[in-house]
Amino acid sequence: MFQSVCGRSAILGAGARNSLAEAISGGRRKRGFTLVELLVVIAIIGLLIALLLPAVQSAREASRRAHCANNLRQLALACLSYNSAKKTLPPGSSGKVNKDGTFPTGWRDPNSSGVPWGHFGWPAHILPFMEEKSLWASIDFSVPAYASSVPENSSWGNPERGPAGNPKNKEAADNMPALFACPSVKRVKPQTQFKDYGMNSGTGACCPERTQAGMDGVGYMNSNIRLKQITDGTSKTFLLLEFAHRANRSWTDANRGSNQFFWVHHISQGYVTCAEHDGSPTPPNSTAYNNRGAHSDHVGGGVQAVMVDGHVGWISDLIDFRTYRSMFTRSGKEVLKPAM
């Protein structure tokens, strides 16, 4: 009998404890998510990500675009500092040329005496004015420039010529400062060897890298343009524009890398025009083959450009071509409608 009473007490004690535990836990047992509930939560998270991703991408592109605009501004300041020191804007490119317009041995394309081979583009000349004096001092301007690769879609060197030029300038040619690279541009060549900007060489006369005749922009072969010669106004004349190295260029297919750091030969590396010498217009981001037009990889259909006075603006692909063309001339006397 004693055992029976004790057993009942033990059973009653366990029941009381269970009742107390249920009371503490709210009177019911905890349970996990059902499969349906879990799938609903995953679907909601996926929807939120889908809604937020474009905003994140847009913010990133806005940051890259601002970075690119700052690059242009800093490069323009370097050009203006060069002007303060030399009393002229930097040349679009420089190198040896004969009086008859041909190029001396070593400085001419192996396939043509009338085409340069290894002239120095404007970036080489502004290096001391952008805290790159040591890099500038490593360049030997008495011998041709150097390029690790020279892509070209022609019978002269399809698909590529190079390495080319004088090896004395290889180290400098392979160490382009980051300021010359736009973060939005798809890289198809090493960033240290290519740039994404070009100088305004005018409205399209052939050809800024090999002649001074007919050039109405601010830079061309061995140019020395003074600010007072820009009578259209420094706030209304392009200095530099985006010129993505991966874009289709004169004699070079897209995604080949045609805008070397400071090497220049007949495809006009580092020069931007608004039309070709046959008169064909090349508005921003033109897809025409064999062109020297401005190009960017920014979202929104346009390119960024910096004027001679140093202010940066956005140029839409849909800009009126007459307005666009007028901003390439330094003394065209056009009446310019507000565009930037």
Protein backbone atom coordinates (compact mmCIF):
# COMPACT_ATOMS: atom_id res chain seq x y z
CA MET A 1 0.00 0.00 0.00
CA PHE A 2 2.82 2.35 0.83
CA GLN A 3 4.39 1.69 -2.57
CA SER A 4 1.06 2.43 -4.26
CA VAL A 5 0.72 5.78 -2.55
CA CYS A 6 4.28 6.68 -3.38
CA GLY A 7 3.78 5.70 -7.00
CA ARG A 8 0.68 7.84 -7.22
CA SER A 9 2.56 10.76 -5.67
CA ALA A 10 5.37 10.38 -8.17
CA ILE A 11 2.88 10.32 -11.04
CA LEU A 12 1.02 13.33 -9.68
CA GLY A 13 4.34 15.14 -9.16
CA ALA A 14 5.39 14.57 -12.79
CA GLY A 15 1.98 15.76 -14.01
CA ALA A 16 2.25 18.89 -11.95
CA ARG A 17 5.68 19.61 -13.34
CA ASN A 18 4.43 19.19 -16.92
CA SER A 19 1.50 21.48 -16.22
CA LEU A 20 3.87 24.07 -14.78
CA ALA A 21 6.15 23.85 -17.87
CA GLU A 22 3.15 24.26 -20.19
CA ALA A 23 1.96 27.25 -18.19
CA ILE A 24 5.37 28.89 -18.41
CA SER A 25 5.58 28.28 -22.17
CA GLY A 26 2.15 29.66 -22.81
CA GLY A 27 0.31 26.45 -22.62
CA ARG A 28 1.49 25.06 -25.98
CA ARG A 29 4.58 23.58 -27.51
CA LYS A 30 7.00 25.51 -29.78
CA ARG A 31 7.09 24.54 -33.45
CA GLY A 32 9.28 25.47 -36.52
CA PHE A 33 8.33 26.98 -39.90
CA THR A 34 6.32 24.87 -42.23
CA LEU A 35 7.70 24.33 -45.72
CA VAL A 36 5.07 26.68 -47.17
CA GLU A 37 5.99 29.44 -44.72
CA LEU A 38 9.70 29.03 -45.50
CA LEU A 39 9.05 29.27 -49.24
CA VAL A 40 6.98 32.43 -48.73
CA VAL A 41 9.82 34.06 -46.76
CA ILE A 42 12.37 33.11 -49.46
CA ALA A 43 10.08 34.52 -52.16
CA ILE A 44 9.71 37.82 -50.26
CA ILE A 45 13.49 38.09 -49.80
CA GLY A 46 14.01 37.39 -53.51
CA LEU A 47 11.47 40.07 -54.43
CA LEU A 48 13.19 42.62 -52.19
CA ILE A 49 16.57 41.82 -53.75
CA ALA A 50 15.09 42.19 -57.24
CA LEU A 51 13.68 45.59 -56.28
CA LEU A 52 16.87 46.80 -54.60
CA LEU A 53 19.43 45.52 -57.13
CA PRO A 54 18.74 48.16 -59.82
CA ALA A 55 19.02 50.87 -57.18
CA VAL A 56 22.36 49.47 -56.00
CA GLN A 57 23.63 49.20 -59.57
CA SER A 58 22.46 52.74 -60.30
CA ALA A 59 24.28 54.03 -57.22
CA ARG A 60 27.45 52.23 -58.26
CA GLU A 61 27.30 53.65 -61.78
CA ALA A 62 26.68 57.13 -60.38
CA SER A 63 29.81 56.70 -58.28
CA ARG A 64 31.83 55.50 -61.28
CA ARG A 65 30.54 58.37 -63.40
CA ALA A 66 31.52 60.88 -60.71
CA HIS A 67 34.96 59.26 -60.53
CA CYS A 68 35.33 59.58 -64.30
CA ALA A 69 34.25 63.23 -64.19
CA ASN A 70 36.88 63.89 -61.55
CA ASN A 71 39.50 62.23 -63.78
CA LEU A 72 38.59 64.59 -66.62
CA ARG A 73 38.72 67.60 -64.31
CA GLN A 74 42.15 66.65 -62.96
CA LEU A 75 43.52 66.02 -66.47
CA ALA A 76 42.20 69.40 -67.58
CA LEU A 77 43.86 71.08 -64.60
CA ALA A 78 47.14 69.42 -65.59
CA CYS A 79 46.71 70.76 -69.15
CA LEU A 80 46.02 74.24 -67.79
CA SER A 81 49.05 74.01 -65.49
CA TYR A 82 51.10 73.06 -68.56
CA ASN A 83 49.69 76.16 -70.26
CA SER A 84 50.69 78.33 -67.30
CA ALA A 85 54.25 77.03 -67.51
CA LYS A 86 54.67 76.83 -71.30
CA LYS A 87 52.18 79.52 -72.41
CA THR A 88 50.47 77.00 -74.73
CA LEU A 89 48.24 73.98 -74.27
CA PRO A 90 50.04 70.63 -74.53
CA PRO A 91 50.46 69.25 -78.07
CA GLY A 92 48.00 66.58 -79.13
CA SER A 93 51.07 64.53 -80.01
CA SER A 94 54.71 65.26 -80.69
CA GLY A 95 57.63 63.72 -82.52
CA LYS A 96 60.07 64.19 -85.35
CA VAL A 97 58.78 65.09 -88.81
CA ASN A 98 60.54 66.23 -91.99
CA LYS A 99 59.82 69.60 -93.62
CA ASP A 100 58.08 67.87 -96.51
CA GLY A 101 55.63 66.19 -94.14
CA THR A 102 57.27 62.77 -94.23
CA PHE A 103 58.79 61.18 -91.16
CA PRO A 104 62.46 60.32 -90.62
CA THR A 105 63.75 56.79 -90.28
CA GLY A 106 62.76 55.30 -86.96
CA TRP A 107 59.82 57.69 -86.60
CA ARG A 108 57.82 56.56 -89.63
CA ASP A 109 55.54 53.62 -90.09
CA PRO A 110 57.42 50.77 -91.82
CA ASN A 111 54.65 50.76 -94.43
CA SER A 112 54.43 54.50 -95.18
CA SER A 113 56.80 57.46 -95.02
CA GLY A 114 53.82 59.77 -94.46
CA VAL A 115 52.62 58.14 -91.25
CA PRO A 116 54.21 58.48 -87.79
CA TRP A 117 55.33 55.46 -85.81
CA GLY A 118 55.77 56.14 -82.12
CA HIS A 119 55.00 59.81 -81.63
CA PHE A 120 54.21 60.84 -78.04
CA GLY A 121 50.58 61.61 -77.20
CA TRP A 122 49.45 64.47 -74.93
CA PRO A 123 49.44 62.32 -71.74
CA ALA A 124 53.25 62.11 -71.80
CA HIS A 125 53.53 65.91 -71.74
CA ILE A 126 51.25 66.63 -68.78
CA LEU A 127 52.76 64.08 -66.39
CA PRO A 128 54.91 66.63 -64.49
CA PHE A 129 51.75 68.65 -63.78
CA MET A 130 49.85 65.78 -62.19
CA GLU A 131 52.44 64.66 -59.62
CA GLU A 132 54.07 62.18 -62.02
CA LYS A 133 57.37 63.95 -62.62
CA SER A 134 59.41 60.79 -62.00
CA LEU A 135 57.43 58.89 -64.64
CA TRP A 136 57.87 61.79 -67.06
CA ALA A 137 61.62 61.90 -66.36
CA SER A 138 61.89 58.22 -67.30
CA ILE A 139 60.69 58.95 -70.86
CA ASP A 140 63.32 59.49 -73.54
CA PHE A 141 61.70 61.89 -76.00
CA SER A 142 64.71 61.71 -78.34
CA VAL A 143 63.67 58.25 -79.50
CA PRO A 144 60.20 56.91 -80.45
CA ALA A 145 57.58 55.94 -77.91
CA TYR A 146 56.82 52.29 -77.11
CA ALA A 147 53.69 50.13 -77.19
CA SER A 148 53.43 46.53 -76.03
CA SER A 149 50.69 45.91 -78.58
CA VAL A 150 49.42 47.79 -81.63
CA PRO A 151 46.06 46.30 -82.69
CA GLU A 152 45.12 47.08 -86.27
CA ASN A 153 42.62 45.71 -88.73
CA SER A 154 44.54 46.23 -91.97
CA SER A 155 46.77 44.44 -94.42
CA TRP A 156 49.67 46.19 -92.68
CA GLY A 157 49.24 44.22 -89.50
CA ASN A 158 45.99 42.33 -89.14
CA PRO A 159 45.13 41.57 -86.38
CA GLU A 160 48.00 43.24 -84.57
CA ARG A 161 51.44 44.72 -84.87
CA GLY A 162 53.88 45.14 -82.06
CA PRO A 163 55.54 45.30 -79.71
CA ALA A 164 56.71 48.49 -81.39
CA GLY A 165 58.89 51.52 -80.80
CA ASN A 166 61.96 51.97 -78.66
CA PRO A 167 62.38 49.69 -75.62
CA LYS A 168 63.91 52.62 -73.70
CA ASN A 169 60.35 53.84 -73.21
CA LYS A 170 58.79 50.49 -72.32
CA GLU A 171 58.75 51.00 -68.55
CA ALA A 172 56.98 54.36 -68.83
CA ALA A 173 54.55 53.05 -71.47
CA ASP A 174 53.55 50.16 -69.20
CA ASN A 175 52.88 52.30 -66.12
CA MET A 176 49.92 54.51 -66.96
CA PRO A 177 48.60 56.37 -63.87
CA ALA A 178 45.10 55.35 -62.79
CA LEU A 179 43.81 58.87 -63.53
CA PHE A 180 43.69 57.99 -67.25
CA ALA A 181 41.27 55.07 -66.74
CA CYS A 182 37.48 55.42 -66.52
CA PRO A 183 36.09 52.88 -63.99
CA SER A 184 32.98 52.27 -66.12
CA VAL A 185 34.93 51.05 -69.15
CA LYS A 186 35.17 47.33 -69.77
CA ARG A 187 38.85 46.40 -69.68
CA VAL A 188 40.15 44.53 -72.71
CA LYS A 189 43.84 45.36 -72.20
CA PRO A 190 45.99 45.96 -69.10
CA GLN A 191 44.90 49.19 -67.42
CA THR A 192 48.54 50.26 -67.08
CA GLN A 193 48.95 50.44 -70.88
CA PHE A 194 45.75 52.10 -72.15
CA LYS A 195 43.72 55.25 -71.49
CA ASP A 196 40.04 56.16 -71.83
CA TYR A 197 40.25 59.84 -72.80
CA GLY A 198 41.13 61.83 -75.91
CA MET A 199 41.91 65.40 -76.91
CA ASN A 200 39.70 67.49 -79.17
CA SER A 201 41.46 67.64 -82.55
CA GLY A 202 38.63 69.41 -84.36
CA THR A 203 35.87 68.72 -86.82
CA GLY A 204 37.44 65.88 -88.78
CA ALA A 205 40.13 67.04 -91.21
CA CYS A 206 42.64 64.30 -91.92
CA CYS A 207 44.70 63.68 -89.94
CA PRO A 208 45.66 65.16 -86.57
CA GLU A 209 48.51 62.74 -85.88
CA ARG A 210 50.37 63.52 -89.11
CA THR A 211 49.64 67.12 -90.19
CA GLN A 212 48.86 70.61 -88.94
CA ALA A 213 46.88 71.62 -92.03
CA GLY A 214 43.18 72.24 -91.50
CA MET A 215 43.22 71.41 -87.78
CA ASP A 216 40.57 73.49 -85.99
CA GLY A 217 40.58 71.85 -82.54
CA VAL A 218 42.89 72.39 -79.58
CA GLY A 219 45.44 69.64 -80.25
CA TYR A 220 47.18 67.95 -83.18
CA MET A 221 50.73 66.94 -84.18
CA ASN A 222 53.25 69.35 -82.62
CA SER A 223 50.49 71.87 -81.85
CA ASN A 224 51.05 74.86 -79.57
CA ILE A 225 47.62 76.47 -79.17
CA ARG A 226 47.43 79.48 -76.87
CA LEU A 227 44.30 80.24 -74.88
CA LYS A 228 43.87 83.56 -76.71
CA GLN A 229 43.50 81.59 -79.95
CA ILE A 230 40.34 79.95 -78.59
CA THR A 231 38.15 82.84 -79.61
CA ASP A 232 34.95 80.80 -79.45
CA GLY A 233 35.41 80.82 -75.66
CA THR A 234 37.16 78.42 -73.30
CA SER A 235 33.80 77.52 -71.69
CA LYS A 236 32.36 76.56 -75.09
CA THR A 237 35.23 74.54 -76.56
CA PHE A 238 36.04 70.92 -75.78
CA LEU A 239 39.45 70.10 -74.33
CA LEU A 240 39.12 66.38 -73.52
CA LEU A 241 36.34 63.83 -74.06
CA GLU A 242 35.80 60.21 -73.14
CA PHE A 243 37.50 57.90 -75.60
CA ALA A 244 37.09 54.35 -74.21
CA HIS A 245 40.02 52.15 -75.20
CA ARG A 246 37.77 49.17 -75.94
CA ALA A 247 35.63 50.96 -78.56
CA ASN A 248 35.75 50.62 -82.32
CA ARG A 249 38.37 53.01 -83.67
CA SER A 250 40.02 53.96 -86.92
CA TRP A 251 41.35 50.74 -88.45
CA THR A 252 40.63 48.84 -85.22
CA ASP A 253 37.68 46.65 -84.28
CA ALA A 254 35.87 47.02 -80.96
CA ASN A 255 37.26 45.24 -77.89
CA ARG A 256 40.81 45.25 -79.24
CA GLY A 257 42.29 48.11 -77.19
CA SER A 258 43.18 50.96 -79.53
CA ASN A 259 44.02 53.89 -77.24
CA GLN A 260 47.53 53.29 -75.89
CA PHE A 261 48.83 55.38 -72.99
CA PHE A 262 51.05 57.68 -75.08
CA TRP A 263 51.94 55.78 -78.27
CA VAL A 264 50.62 57.41 -81.50
CA HIS A 265 50.61 56.18 -85.09
CA HIS A 266 48.12 56.49 -87.95
CA ILE A 267 44.97 55.37 -86.10
CA SER A 268 45.03 58.65 -84.10
CA GLN A 269 45.38 57.34 -80.56
CA GLY A 270 44.27 59.96 -78.05
CA TYR A 271 42.43 62.18 -80.55
CA VAL A 272 38.66 62.75 -80.73
CA THR A 273 36.75 64.30 -83.65
CA CYS A 274 33.06 64.88 -84.41
CA ALA A 275 33.30 63.66 -88.01
CA GLU A 276 35.60 61.79 -90.33
CA HIS A 277 37.57 63.41 -93.14
CA ASP A 278 35.00 62.17 -95.67
CA GLY A 279 32.39 64.26 -93.84
CA SER A 280 30.64 61.37 -92.06
CA PRO A 281 29.34 62.62 -88.67
CA THR A 282 30.50 60.75 -85.58
CA PRO A 283 28.24 61.88 -82.72
CA PRO A 284 28.86 60.50 -79.21
CA ASN A 285 28.99 56.68 -79.14
CA SER A 286 28.78 56.33 -82.90
CA THR A 287 28.91 52.72 -84.10
CA ALA A 288 30.29 53.68 -87.52
CA TYR A 289 33.35 51.70 -88.48
CA ASN A 290 36.70 53.47 -88.81
CA ASN A 291 35.76 56.48 -86.69
CA ARG A 292 37.50 58.73 -84.16
CA GLY A 293 34.37 59.74 -82.23
CA ALA A 294 33.89 60.05 -78.48
CA HIS A 295 32.77 56.90 -76.67
CA SER A 296 31.92 55.91 -73.10
CA ASP A 297 30.51 52.88 -71.28
CA HIS A 298 28.31 54.92 -68.94
CA VAL A 299 24.61 54.12 -68.65
CA GLY A 300 22.33 56.77 -70.06
CA GLY A 301 23.44 57.33 -73.64
CA GLY A 302 26.15 59.94 -73.69
CA VAL A 303 29.74 60.84 -72.85
CA GLN A 304 31.42 63.16 -70.40
CA ALA A 305 33.65 65.97 -71.58
CA VAL A 306 35.70 68.75 -70.03
CA MET A 307 35.87 72.19 -71.61
CA VAL A 308 39.05 74.26 -71.89
CA ASP A 309 38.02 76.30 -68.84
CA GLY A 310 37.97 73.08 -66.76
CA HIS A 311 34.25 72.48 -66.23
CA VAL A 312 32.88 68.99 -66.90
CA GLY A 313 29.54 68.24 -68.55
CA TRP A 314 27.43 65.41 -69.92
CA ILE A 315 26.95 65.25 -73.70
CA SER A 316 23.90 63.24 -74.75
CA ASP A 317 23.97 60.93 -77.75
CA LEU A 318 20.94 62.90 -78.96
CA ILE A 319 22.65 66.30 -78.92
CA ASP A 320 21.96 68.45 -81.99
CA PHE A 321 24.91 67.71 -84.25
CA ARG A 322 25.43 71.34 -85.24
CA THR A 323 25.76 72.26 -81.57
CA TYR A 324 28.10 69.33 -80.97
CA ARG A 325 30.26 70.23 -83.95
CA SER A 326 30.55 73.86 -82.87
CA MET A 327 32.12 72.79 -79.58
CA PHE A 328 35.02 71.19 -81.46
CA THR A 329 36.16 74.40 -83.16
CA ARG A 330 38.40 76.83 -81.33
CA SER A 331 37.58 79.80 -83.58
CA GLY A 332 34.61 78.81 -85.73
CA LYS A 333 32.51 81.83 -84.70
CA GLU A 334 29.40 79.66 -84.30
CA VAL A 335 26.53 80.80 -82.10
CA LEU A 336 26.40 78.06 -79.48
CA LYS A 337 23.14 77.14 -77.81
CA PRO A 338 23.43 75.97 -74.17
CA ALA A 339 24.34 72.28 -74.17
CA MET A 340 26.21 71.58 -70.94
